[in-house]
PDB file of N, CA and C in Angstrom:
ATOM      1  N   TYR A   1       7.846  10.028  -1.352  1.00  0.00           N
ATOM      2  CA  TYR A   1       8.267   9.195  -2.431  1.00  0.00           C
ATOM      3  C   TYR A   1       7.336   9.446  -3.574  1.00  0.00           C
ATOM      4  N   SER A   2       7.513  10.027  -4.893  1.00  0.00           N
ATOM      5  CA  SER A   2       6.552  10.221  -5.686  1.00  0.00           C
ATOM      6  C   SER A   2       7.193   9.883  -7.242  1.00  0.00           C
ATOM      7  N   THR A   3       6.397   9.343  -7.816  1.00  0.00           N
ATOM      8  CA  THR A   3       6.872   8.797  -9.289  1.00  0.00           C
ATOM      9  C   THR A   3       5.612   9.446 -10.250  1.00  0.00           C
ATOM     10  N   CYS A   4       6.197   9.413 -11.548  1.00  0.00           N
ATOM     11  CA  CYS A   4       5.160   9.904 -12.645  1.00  0.00           C
ATOM     12  C   CYS A   4       4.580   8.563 -13.515  1.00  0.00           C
ATOM     13  N   THR A   5       4.947   7.740 -13.049  1.00  0.00           N
ATOM     14  CA  THR A   5       4.471   6.310 -13.619  1.00  0.00           C
ATOM     15  C   THR A   5       3.547   5.485 -12.747  1.00  0.00           C
ATOM     16  N   PHE A   6       2.852   4.367 -13.461  1.00  0.00           N
ATOM     17  CA  PHE A   6       1.858   3.729 -12.627  1.00  0.00           C
ATOM     18  C   PHE A   6       2.304   2.161 -12.357  1.00  0.00           C
ATOM     19  N   GLY A   7       3.688   2.012 -12.848  1.00  0.00           N
ATOM     20  CA  GLY A   7       3.948   0.312 -12.807  1.00  0.00           C
ATOM     21  C   GLY A   7       4.163   0.145 -11.130  1.00  0.00           C
ATOM     22  N   PRO A   8       3.313  -0.768 -10.629  1.00  0.00           N
ATOM     23  CA  PRO A   8       3.568  -1.219  -9.094  1.00  0.00           C
ATOM     24  C   PRO A   8       4.875  -1.516  -8.952  1.00  0.00           C
ATOM     25  N   GLU A   9       5.777  -2.026  -9.815  1.00  0.00           N
ATOM     26  CA  GLU A   9       7.190  -2.233  -9.597  1.00  0.00           C
ATOM     27  C   GLU A   9       8.019  -1.140  -9.181  1.00  0.00           C
ATOM     28  N   GLU A  10       7.805   0.118  -9.449  1.00  0.00           N
ATOM     29  CA  GLU A  10       8.402   1.190  -9.534  1.00  0.00           C
ATOM     30  C   GLU A  10       7.581   2.049  -8.247  1.00  0.00           C
ATOM     31  N   ASN A  11       6.752   1.695  -7.790  1.00  0.00           N
ATOM     32  CA  ASN A  11       5.768   2.416  -7.052  1.00  0.00           C
ATOM     33  C   ASN A  11       5.608   1.475  -5.432  1.00  0.00           C
ATOM     34  N   GLU A  12       4.576   0.664  -5.409  1.00  0.00           N
ATOM     35  CA  GLU A  12       4.329  -0.004  -4.424  1.00  0.00           C
ATOM     36  C   GLU A  12       5.393  -0.937  -4.030  1.00  0.00           C
ATOM     37  N   GLY A  13       5.859  -1.603  -5.102  1.00  0.00           N
ATOM     38  CA  GLY A  13       6.858  -2.643  -4.980  1.00  0.00           C
ATOM     39  C   GLY A  13       8.132  -1.946  -4.060  1.00  0.00           C
ATOM     40  N   VAL A  14       8.518  -0.674  -4.716  1.00  0.00           N
ATOM     41  CA  VAL A  14       9.634  -0.123  -3.993  1.00  0.00           C
ATOM     42  C   VAL A  14       9.238   0.503  -2.605  1.00  0.00           C
ATOM     43  N   VAL A  15       8.138   0.920  -2.395  1.00  0.00           N
ATOM     44  CA  VAL A  15       7.988   1.248  -0.944  1.00  0.00           C
ATOM     45  C   VAL A  15       7.722   0.273  -0.057  1.00  0.00           C
ATOM     46  N   ASP A  16       7.180  -0.694  -0.547  1.00  0.00           N
ATOM     47  CA  ASP A  16       7.218  -2.246   0.049  1.00  0.00           C
ATOM     48  C   ASP A  16       8.489  -2.818   0.334  1.00  0.00           C
ATOM     49  N   PHE A  17       9.666  -2.852  -0.199  1.00  0.00           N
ATOM     50  CA  PHE A  17      10.866  -3.174  -0.095  1.00  0.00           C
ATOM     51  C   PHE A  17      11.446  -2.307   1.072  1.00  0.00           C
ATOM     52  N   LEU A  18      11.429  -0.802   1.041  1.00  0.00           N
ATOM     53  CA  LEU A  18      11.660  -0.232   1.816  1.00  0.00           C
ATOM     54  C   LEU A  18      10.994  -0.309   3.239  1.00  0.00           C
ATOM     55  N   MET A  19       9.770  -0.730   3.401  1.00  0.00           N
ATOM     56  CA  MET A  19       8.981  -0.816   4.632  1.00  0.00           C
ATOM     57  C   MET A  19       9.834  -2.256   5.175  1.00  0.00           C
ATOM     58  N   GLU A  20       9.915  -3.341   4.549  1.00  0.00           N
ATOM     59  CA  GLU A  20      10.634  -4.420   4.767  1.00  0.00           C
ATOM     60  C   GLU A  20      11.952  -4.421   5.293  1.00  0.00           C
ATOM     61  N   LYS A  21      12.822  -3.531   4.832  1.00  0.00           N
ATOM     62  CA  LYS A  21      14.388  -3.241   5.277  1.00  0.00           C
ATOM     63  C   LYS A  21      14.691  -2.179   6.355  1.00  0.00           C
ATOM     64  N   LEU A  22      13.513  -1.300   6.705  1.00  0.00           N
ATOM     65  CA  LEU A  22      13.584  -0.216   7.361  1.00  0.00           C
ATOM     66  C   LEU A  22      12.310  -0.297   8.321  1.00  0.00           C
ATOM     67  N   PRO A  23      12.319  -0.922   9.403  1.00  0.00           N
ATOM     68  CA  PRO A  23      11.131  -1.375  10.377  1.00  0.00           C
ATOM     69  C   PRO A  23      10.842  -0.023  11.127  1.00  0.00           C
ATOM     70  N   ASP A  24      11.859   1.252  11.034  1.00  0.00           N
ATOM     71  CA  ASP A  24      11.395   2.439  11.727  1.00  0.00           C
ATOM     72  C   ASP A  24      11.039   3.581  10.524  1.00  0.00           C
ATOM     73  N   ALA A  25      10.452   3.052   9.287  1.00  0.00           N
ATOM     74  CA  ALA A  25       9.698   3.622   8.567  1.00  0.00           C
ATOM     75  C   ALA A  25       8.292   3.391   8.278  1.00  0.00           C
ATOM     76  N   GLY A  26       7.580   4.607   8.345  1.00  0.00           N
ATOM     77  CA  GLY A  26       6.073   4.284   8.236  1.00  0.00           C
ATOM     78  C   GLY A  26       5.418   5.127   7.111  1.00  0.00           C
ATOM     79  N   ILE A  27       4.108   4.921   6.963  1.00  0.00           N
ATOM     80  CA  ILE A  27       3.612   5.314   5.724  1.00  0.00           C
ATOM     81  C   ILE A  27       2.170   6.361   6.367  1.00  0.00           C
ATOM     82  N   GLU A  28       2.382   7.532   5.999  1.00  0.00           N
ATOM     83  CA  GLU A  28       1.267   8.230   6.476  1.00  0.00           C
ATOM     84  C   GLU A  28       0.208   8.710   5.582  1.00  0.00           C
ATOM     85  N   LYS A  29      -0.849   8.886   6.070  1.00  0.00           N
ATOM     86  CA  LYS A  29      -2.095   9.053   5.151  1.00  0.00           C
ATOM     87  C   LYS A  29      -1.870  10.319   4.555  1.00  0.00           C
ATOM     88  N   ILE A  30      -2.364  10.571   3.381  1.00  0.00           N
ATOM     89  CA  ILE A  30      -2.269  11.860   2.618  1.00  0.00           C
ATOM     90  C   ILE A  30      -3.765  12.440   2.273  1.00  0.00           C
ATOM     91  N   ASN A  31      -4.049  13.530   2.652  1.00  0.00           N
ATOM     92  CA  ASN A  31      -5.297  14.286   2.501  1.00  0.00           C
ATOM     93  C   ASN A  31      -5.168  15.359   1.251  1.00  0.00           C
ATOM     94  N   VAL A  32      -5.658  14.698   0.189  1.00  0.00           N
ATOM     95  CA  VAL A  32      -5.618  15.840  -0.946  1.00  0.00           C
ATOM     96  C   VAL A  32      -7.035  16.236  -1.156  1.00  0.00           C
ATOM     97  N   SER A  33      -7.417  17.043  -1.892  1.00  0.00           N
ATOM     98  CA  SER A  33      -8.805  17.603  -2.667  1.00  0.00           C
ATOM     99  C   SER A  33      -8.932  17.376  -3.829  1.00  0.00           C
ATOM    100  N   ILE A  34      -8.440  16.347  -4.466  1.00  0.00           N
ATOM    101  CA  ILE A  34      -8.386  16.014  -5.977  1.00  0.00           C
ATOM    102  C   ILE A  34      -8.715  14.514  -5.877  1.00  0.00           C
ATOM    103  N   ASN A  35      -9.292  13.886  -7.022  1.00  0.00           N
ATOM    104  CA  ASN A  35      -9.605  12.760  -7.057  1.00  0.00           C
ATOM    105  C   ASN A  35      -8.417  11.855  -7.152  1.00  0.00           C
ATOM    106  N   ASN A  36      -8.510  10.745  -6.643  1.00  0.00           N
ATOM    107  CA  ASN A  36      -7.486   9.787  -6.292  1.00  0.00           C
ATOM    108  C   ASN A  36      -7.979   8.066  -5.984  1.00  0.00           C
ATOM    109  N   ASP A  37      -7.136   7.606  -6.203  1.00  0.00           N
ATOM    110  CA  ASP A  37      -7.145   6.002  -5.644  1.00  0.00           C
ATOM    111  C   ASP A  37      -6.135   5.517  -4.454  1.00  0.00           C
ATOM    112  N   THR A  38      -6.385   4.603  -4.025  1.00  0.00           N
ATOM    113  CA  THR A  38      -5.250   4.102  -2.766  1.00  0.00           C
ATOM    114  C   THR A  38      -4.122   3.436  -3.454  1.00  0.00           C
ATOM    115  N   GLY A  39      -3.350   3.101  -2.918  1.00  0.00           N
ATOM    116  CA  GLY A  39      -2.183   2.372  -3.473  1.00  0.00           C
ATOM    117  C   GLY A  39      -2.516   0.888  -3.361  1.00  0.00           C
ATOM    118  N   MET A  40      -1.931   0.145  -4.191  1.00  0.00           N
ATOM    119  CA  MET A  40      -2.244  -1.208  -4.228  1.00  0.00           C
ATOM    120  C   MET A  40      -1.993  -2.056  -3.371  1.00  0.00           C
ATOM    121  N   LYS A  41      -2.492  -3.123  -2.881  1.00  0.00           N
ATOM    122  CA  LYS A  41      -2.164  -4.136  -1.754  1.00  0.00           C
ATOM    123  C   LYS A  41      -1.566  -5.460  -2.223  1.00  0.00           C
ATOM    124  N   SER A  42      -1.825  -5.636  -3.631  1.00  0.00           N
ATOM    125  CA  SER A  42      -1.321  -6.766  -4.456  1.00  0.00           C
ATOM    126  C   SER A  42      -1.140  -6.327  -5.881  1.00  0.00           C
ATOM    127  N   TRP A  43      -0.499  -7.197  -6.563  1.00  0.00           N
ATOM    128  CA  TRP A  43      -0.226  -6.858  -8.040  1.00  0.00           C
ATOM    129  C   TRP A  43       0.208  -8.339  -8.415  1.00  0.00           C
ATOM    130  N   GLY A  44      -0.371  -8.957  -9.372  1.00  0.00           N
ATOM    131  CA  GLY A  44       0.174 -10.378  -9.698  1.00  0.00           C
ATOM    132  C   GLY A  44       0.229 -11.132  -8.515  1.00  0.00           C
ATOM    133  N   ASP A  45       1.241 -11.926  -8.353  1.00  0.00           N
ATOM    134  CA  ASP A  45       1.717 -12.686  -7.440  1.00  0.00           C
ATOM    135  C   ASP A  45       2.210 -11.951  -6.142  1.00  0.00           C
ATOM    136  N   ALA A  46       2.500 -10.677  -6.212  1.00  0.00           N
ATOM    137  CA  ALA A  46       3.078  -9.997  -5.026  1.00  0.00           C
ATOM    138  C   ALA A  46       1.928  -9.342  -4.364  1.00  0.00           C
ATOM    139  N   VAL A  47       2.085  -9.553  -2.838  1.00  0.00           N
ATOM    140  CA  VAL A  47       1.359  -9.056  -1.881  1.00  0.00           C
ATOM    141  C   VAL A  47       2.112  -7.962  -0.991  1.00  0.00           C
ATOM    142  N   PHE A  48       1.442  -6.780  -1.014  1.00  0.00           N
ATOM    143  CA  PHE A  48       2.554  -5.541  -0.533  1.00  0.00           C
ATOM    144  C   PHE A  48       1.662  -5.454   1.067  1.00  0.00           C
ATOM    145  N   ASP A  49       2.763  -4.704   1.588  1.00  0.00           N
ATOM    146  CA  ASP A  49       2.398  -4.155   3.109  1.00  0.00           C
ATOM    147  C   ASP A  49       0.782  -3.499   3.236  1.00  0.00           C
ATOM    148  N   GLU A  50       0.098  -3.888   4.133  1.00  0.00           N
ATOM    149  CA  GLU A  50      -1.299  -3.041   4.057  1.00  0.00           C
ATOM    150  C   GLU A  50      -1.026  -1.601   4.034  1.00  0.00           C
ATOM    151  N   ARG A  51      -0.280  -1.084   4.861  1.00  0.00           N
ATOM    152  CA  ARG A  51      -0.075   0.319   4.847  1.00  0.00           C
ATOM    153  C   ARG A  51       0.042   1.224   3.699  1.00  0.00           C
ATOM    154  N   LEU A  52       0.587   0.308   2.605  1.00  0.00           N
ATOM    155  CA  LEU A  52       0.376   1.115   1.299  1.00  0.00           C
ATOM    156  C   LEU A  52      -1.004   1.566   0.795  1.00  0.00           C
ATOM    157  N   SER A  53      -2.086   1.091   1.401  1.00  0.00           N
ATOM    158  CA  SER A  53      -3.457   1.831   0.862  1.00  0.00           C
ATOM    159  C   SER A  53      -3.462   3.088   1.424  1.00  0.00           C
ATOM    160  N   ARG A  54      -2.560   3.566   2.084  1.00  0.00           N
ATOM    161  CA  ARG A  54      -2.399   4.961   2.703  1.00  0.00           C
ATOM    162  C   ARG A  54      -1.807   5.995   1.102  1.00  0.00           C
ATOM    163  N   CYS A  55      -1.225   5.056   0.313  1.00  0.00           N
ATOM    164  CA  CYS A  55      -0.446   6.008  -0.705  1.00  0.00           C
ATOM    165  C   CYS A  55      -1.761   6.491  -1.828  1.00  0.00           C
ATOM    166  N   LEU A  56      -1.369   7.250  -2.559  1.00  0.00           N
ATOM    167  CA  LEU A  56      -2.214   7.637  -3.579  1.00  0.00           C
ATOM    168  C   LEU A  56      -1.653   7.439  -5.054  1.00  0.00           C
ATOM    169  N   ARG A  57      -2.746   6.982  -5.827  1.00  0.00           N
ATOM    170  CA  ARG A  57      -2.555   6.867  -7.213  1.00  0.00           C
ATOM    171  C   ARG A  57      -3.709   7.913  -7.755  1.00  0.00           C
ATOM    172  N   ILE A  58      -2.819   8.865  -8.764  1.00  0.00           N
ATOM    173  CA  ILE A  58      -3.664   9.991  -9.352  1.00  0.00           C
ATOM    174  C   ILE A  58      -3.654   9.683 -10.706  1.00  0.00           C
ATOM    175  N   TYR A  59      -4.682   9.338 -11.305  1.00  0.00           N
ATOM    176  CA  TYR A  59      -4.823   8.983 -12.814  1.00  0.00           C
ATOM    177  C   TYR A  59      -5.396  10.455 -13.464  1.00  0.00           C
ATOM    178  N   PRO A  60      -4.852  10.350 -14.769  1.00  0.00           N
ATOM    179  CA  PRO A  60      -5.218  11.492 -15.713  1.00  0.00           C
ATOM    180  C   PRO A  60      -6.552  11.553 -15.891  1.00  0.00           C
ATOM    181  N   HIS A  61      -7.197  10.517 -16.030  1.00  0.00           N
ATOM    182  CA  HIS A  61      -8.670  10.776 -16.342  1.00  0.00           C
ATOM    183  C   HIS A  61      -9.459  11.265 -15.362  1.00  0.00           C
ATOM    184  N   HIS A  62      -9.016  11.278 -14.084  1.00  0.00           N
ATOM    185  CA  HIS A  62      -9.812  11.736 -12.826  1.00  0.00           C
ATOM    186  C   HIS A  62      -9.485  13.101 -12.577  1.00  0.00           C
ATOM    187  N   ASN A  63      -8.702  13.666 -13.019  1.00  0.00           N
ATOM    188  CA  ASN A  63      -8.174  15.381 -12.567  1.00  0.00           C
ATOM    189  C   ASN A  63      -7.730  16.081 -14.075  1.00  0.00           C
ATOM    190  N   ASN A  64      -7.869  15.608 -15.063  1.00  0.00           N
ATOM    191  CA  ASN A  64      -7.279  16.148 -16.298  1.00  0.00           C
ATOM    192  C   ASN A  64      -5.906  16.724 -16.144  1.00  0.00           C
ATOM    193  N   THR A  65      -5.029  15.870 -15.506  1.00  0.00           N
ATOM    194  CA  THR A  65      -3.677  16.100 -15.162  1.00  0.00           C
ATOM    195  C   THR A  65      -2.783  14.870 -15.622  1.00  0.00           C
ATOM    196  N   GLY A  66      -1.446  14.971 -15.356  1.00  0.00           N
ATOM    197  CA  GLY A  66      -0.659  13.658 -15.533  1.00  0.00           C
ATOM    198  C   GLY A  66      -1.041  12.934 -14.435  1.00  0.00           C
ATOM    199  N   GLY A  67      -0.229  11.604 -14.468  1.00  0.00           N
ATOM    200  CA  GLY A  67      -0.454  10.567 -13.385  1.00  0.00           C
ATOM    201  C   GLY A  67       0.598  10.510 -12.578  1.00  0.00           C
ATOM    202  N   PHE A  68       0.139  10.313 -11.187  1.00  0.00           N
ATOM    203  CA  PHE A  68       1.355  10.333 -10.297  1.00  0.00           C
ATOM    204  C   PHE A  68       1.242   9.112  -9.475  1.00  0.00           C
ATOM    205  N   PHE A  69       2.089   8.696  -8.767  1.00  0.00           N
ATOM    206  CA  PHE A  69       2.019   7.698  -7.208  1.00  0.00           C
ATOM    207  C   PHE A  69       2.591   8.514  -6.179  1.00  0.00           C
ATOM    208  N   VAL A  70       2.077   8.745  -5.002  1.00  0.00           N
ATOM    209  CA  VAL A  70       2.758   9.317  -4.035  1.00  0.00           C
ATOM    210  C   VAL A  70       2.774   8.565  -2.456  1.00  0.00           C
ATOM    211  N   ALA A  71       3.831   8.428  -1.984  1.00  0.00           N
ATOM    212  CA  ALA A  71       3.857   8.115  -0.598  1.00  0.00           C
ATOM    213  C   ALA A  71       4.314   8.710   0.205  1.00  0.00           C
ATOM    214  N   LYS A  72       4.057   9.038   1.506  1.00  0.00           N
ATOM    215  CA  LYS A  72       4.356   9.947   2.435  1.00  0.00           C
ATOM    216  C   LYS A  72       5.078   9.403   3.572  1.00  0.00           C
ATOM    217  N   ILE A  73       6.186   9.035   3.438  1.00  0.00           N
ATOM    218  CA  ILE A  73       6.988   8.342   4.180  1.00  0.00           C
ATOM    219  C   ILE A  73       7.701   9.041   5.293  1.00  0.00           C
ATOM    220  N   ARG A  74       7.636   8.690   6.592  1.00  0.00           N
ATOM    221  CA  ARG A  74       8.340   9.058   7.815  1.00  0.00           C
ATOM    222  C   ARG A  74       9.076   8.235   8.697  1.00  0.00           C
ATOM    223  N   LYS A  75      10.098   8.602   9.079  1.00  0.00           N
ATOM    224  CA  LYS A  75      10.892   7.688  10.171  1.00  0.00           C
ATOM    225  C   LYS A  75      10.074   7.735  11.510  1.00  0.00           C
ATOM    226  N   LEU A  76       9.967   6.723  12.072  1.00  0.00           N
ATOM    227  CA  LEU A  76       8.985   6.733  13.193  1.00  0.00           C
ATOM    228  C   LEU A  76       9.808   6.917  14.422  1.00  0.00           C
TER     229      LEU A  76
END
């Protein structure tokens, strides 16, 4: 799952919802050779599944690129 936005409601919130609804879904770690941050585990009052830390947030100022959120989701 990937977006070109930084809004947690479109990124971690969507993946967290998926994880709640589909217990056979898992998030895999992503190995890339560019600067990135991990997915958020909370935002405001929302607390997300710990596995969201395996997601990536790629910010424009880290790599001189556009920004992205990426989650590698696999059926277990």
